[in-house]
Amino acid sequence: MSTLQTPANPFALLLDPQAVLARVEHSQRLERLHRRVCRPLDKPVLPGQAGVAREFDRGIEEAGDEPDDTDAQ
């Protein structure tokens, strides 16, 4: 078991970040957590698809913020 004492004031941990990192590295509870790798949601544009994306973006920009007639109801 760890002999390190946790301060009563959690903000006191900001004064000694190395102690916090040492506790995290040796934590058995954190070691038991399930891990997974998360991938970013934005995918890079494929080289052949760059023109299609540019045309789509241009169409959106040209449309601007004009009100749509279907929203008036």
C-alpha atoms as a PDB file:
ATOM      1  CA  MET A   1       0.000   0.000   0.000  1.00  0.00           C
ATOM      2  CA  SER A   2       1.050   3.581  -0.544  1.00  0.00           C
ATOM      3  CA  THR A   3       2.246   5.583   2.443  1.00  0.00           C
ATOM      4  CA  LEU A   4       1.647   8.948   0.755  1.00  0.00           C
ATOM      5  CA  GLN A   5      -0.969  11.072   2.468  1.00  0.00           C
ATOM      6  CA  THR A   6      -3.579  12.877   0.378  1.00  0.00           C
ATOM      7  CA  PRO A   7      -3.902  16.526   1.436  1.00  0.00           C
ATOM      8  CA  ALA A   8      -7.278  17.625   2.775  1.00  0.00           C
ATOM      9  CA  ASN A   9      -7.279  20.518   0.296  1.00  0.00           C
ATOM     10  CA  PRO A  10      -7.205  19.227  -3.305  1.00  0.00           C
ATOM     11  CA  PHE A  11      -5.734  22.546  -4.468  1.00  0.00           C
ATOM     12  CA  ALA A  12      -2.631  21.749  -2.426  1.00  0.00           C
ATOM     13  CA  LEU A  13      -1.872  19.068  -5.025  1.00  0.00           C
ATOM     14  CA  LEU A  14      -1.147  21.866  -7.500  1.00  0.00           C
ATOM     15  CA  LEU A  15       1.927  22.750  -5.456  1.00  0.00           C
ATOM     16  CA  ASP A  16       3.535  19.339  -5.996  1.00  0.00           C
ATOM     17  CA  PRO A  17       2.640  17.983  -9.458  1.00  0.00           C
ATOM     18  CA  GLN A  18       5.488  15.446  -9.357  1.00  0.00           C
ATOM     19  CA  ALA A  19       3.895  13.773  -6.332  1.00  0.00           C
ATOM     20  CA  VAL A  20       0.590  13.589  -8.201  1.00  0.00           C
ATOM     21  CA  LEU A  21       2.257  11.972 -11.230  1.00  0.00           C
ATOM     22  CA  ALA A  22       4.046   9.475  -8.976  1.00  0.00           C
ATOM     23  CA  ARG A  23       0.747   8.493  -7.352  1.00  0.00           C
ATOM     24  CA  VAL A  24      -0.928   8.084 -10.750  1.00  0.00           C
ATOM     25  CA  GLU A  25       1.906   5.908 -12.062  1.00  0.00           C
ATOM     26  CA  HIS A  26       1.695   3.568  -9.061  1.00  0.00           C
ATOM     27  CA  SER A  27      -2.096   3.449  -8.710  1.00  0.00           C
ATOM     28  CA  GLN A  28      -3.478  -0.078  -8.822  1.00  0.00           C
ATOM     29  CA  ARG A  29      -7.023   1.205  -9.368  1.00  0.00           C
ATOM     30  CA  LEU A  30      -5.975   3.147 -12.472  1.00  0.00           C
ATOM     31  CA  GLU A  31      -4.035   0.136 -13.745  1.00  0.00           C
ATOM     32  CA  ARG A  32      -7.229  -1.972 -13.688  1.00  0.00           C
ATOM     33  CA  LEU A  33      -9.179   0.462 -15.880  1.00  0.00           C
ATOM     34  CA  HIS A  34     -10.059  -0.689 -19.371  1.00  0.00           C
ATOM     35  CA  ARG A  35      -8.226   1.244 -22.050  1.00  0.00           C
ATOM     36  CA  ARG A  36      -9.049   1.953 -25.641  1.00  0.00           C
ATOM     37  CA  VAL A  37      -7.590   4.119 -28.371  1.00  0.00           C
ATOM     38  CA  CYS A  38      -9.922   6.862 -29.597  1.00  0.00           C
ATOM     39  CA  ARG A  39      -9.530   8.117 -33.132  1.00  0.00           C
ATOM     40  CA  PRO A  40     -10.349  11.657 -34.247  1.00  0.00           C
ATOM     41  CA  LEU A  41     -13.742  12.129 -35.852  1.00  0.00           C
ATOM     42  CA  ASP A  42     -12.389  14.286 -38.663  1.00  0.00           C
ATOM     43  CA  LYS A  43     -10.826  12.163 -41.362  1.00  0.00           C
ATOM     44  CA  PRO A  44      -8.297  13.595 -43.792  1.00  0.00           C
ATOM     45  CA  VAL A  45      -9.585  14.291 -47.270  1.00  0.00           C
ATOM     46  CA  LEU A  46      -8.356  11.726 -49.756  1.00  0.00           C
ATOM     47  CA  PRO A  47      -6.248  13.175 -52.588  1.00  0.00           C
ATOM     48  CA  GLY A  48      -8.856  12.320 -55.245  1.00  0.00           C
ATOM     49  CA  GLN A  49     -11.702  13.802 -53.198  1.00  0.00           C
ATOM     50  CA  ALA A  50     -10.202  17.265 -52.556  1.00  0.00           C
ATOM     51  CA  GLY A  51     -12.035  18.849 -55.523  1.00  0.00           C
ATOM     52  CA  VAL A  52     -15.398  17.443 -54.424  1.00  0.00           C
ATOM     53  CA  ALA A  53     -14.946  18.813 -50.904  1.00  0.00           C
ATOM     54  CA  ARG A  54     -13.924  22.235 -52.234  1.00  0.00           C
ATOM     55  CA  GLU A  55     -17.015  22.414 -54.468  1.00  0.00           C
ATOM     56  CA  PHE A  56     -19.261  21.414 -51.568  1.00  0.00           C
ATOM     57  CA  ASP A  57     -17.687  24.069 -49.310  1.00  0.00           C
ATOM     58  CA  ARG A  58     -18.021  26.716 -52.017  1.00  0.00           C
ATOM     59  CA  GLY A  59     -21.721  25.881 -52.450  1.00  0.00           C
ATOM     60  CA  ILE A  60     -22.328  26.223 -48.707  1.00  0.00           C
ATOM     61  CA  GLU A  61     -20.478  29.547 -48.563  1.00  0.00           C
ATOM     62  CA  GLU A  62     -22.390  30.921 -51.553  1.00  0.00           C
ATOM     63  CA  ALA A  63     -25.712  29.958 -49.964  1.00  0.00           C
ATOM     64  CA  GLY A  64     -24.851  32.133 -46.951  1.00  0.00           C
ATOM     65  CA  ASP A  65     -27.412  32.715 -44.241  1.00  0.00           C
ATOM     66  CA  GLU A  66     -30.411  33.258 -46.475  1.00  0.00           C
ATOM     67  CA  PRO A  67     -33.658  32.185 -44.781  1.00  0.00           C
ATOM     68  CA  ASP A  68     -35.247  29.040 -46.133  1.00  0.00           C
ATOM     69  CA  ASP A  69     -38.962  29.192 -47.071  1.00  0.00           C
ATOM     70  CA  THR A  70     -39.621  25.872 -45.314  1.00  0.00           C
ATOM     71  CA  ASP A  71     -38.599  27.340 -41.936  1.00  0.00           C
ATOM     72  CA  ALA A  72     -41.308  30.035 -42.023  1.00  0.00           C
ATOM     73  CA  GLN A  73     -44.111  27.632 -41.063  1.00  0.00           C
END
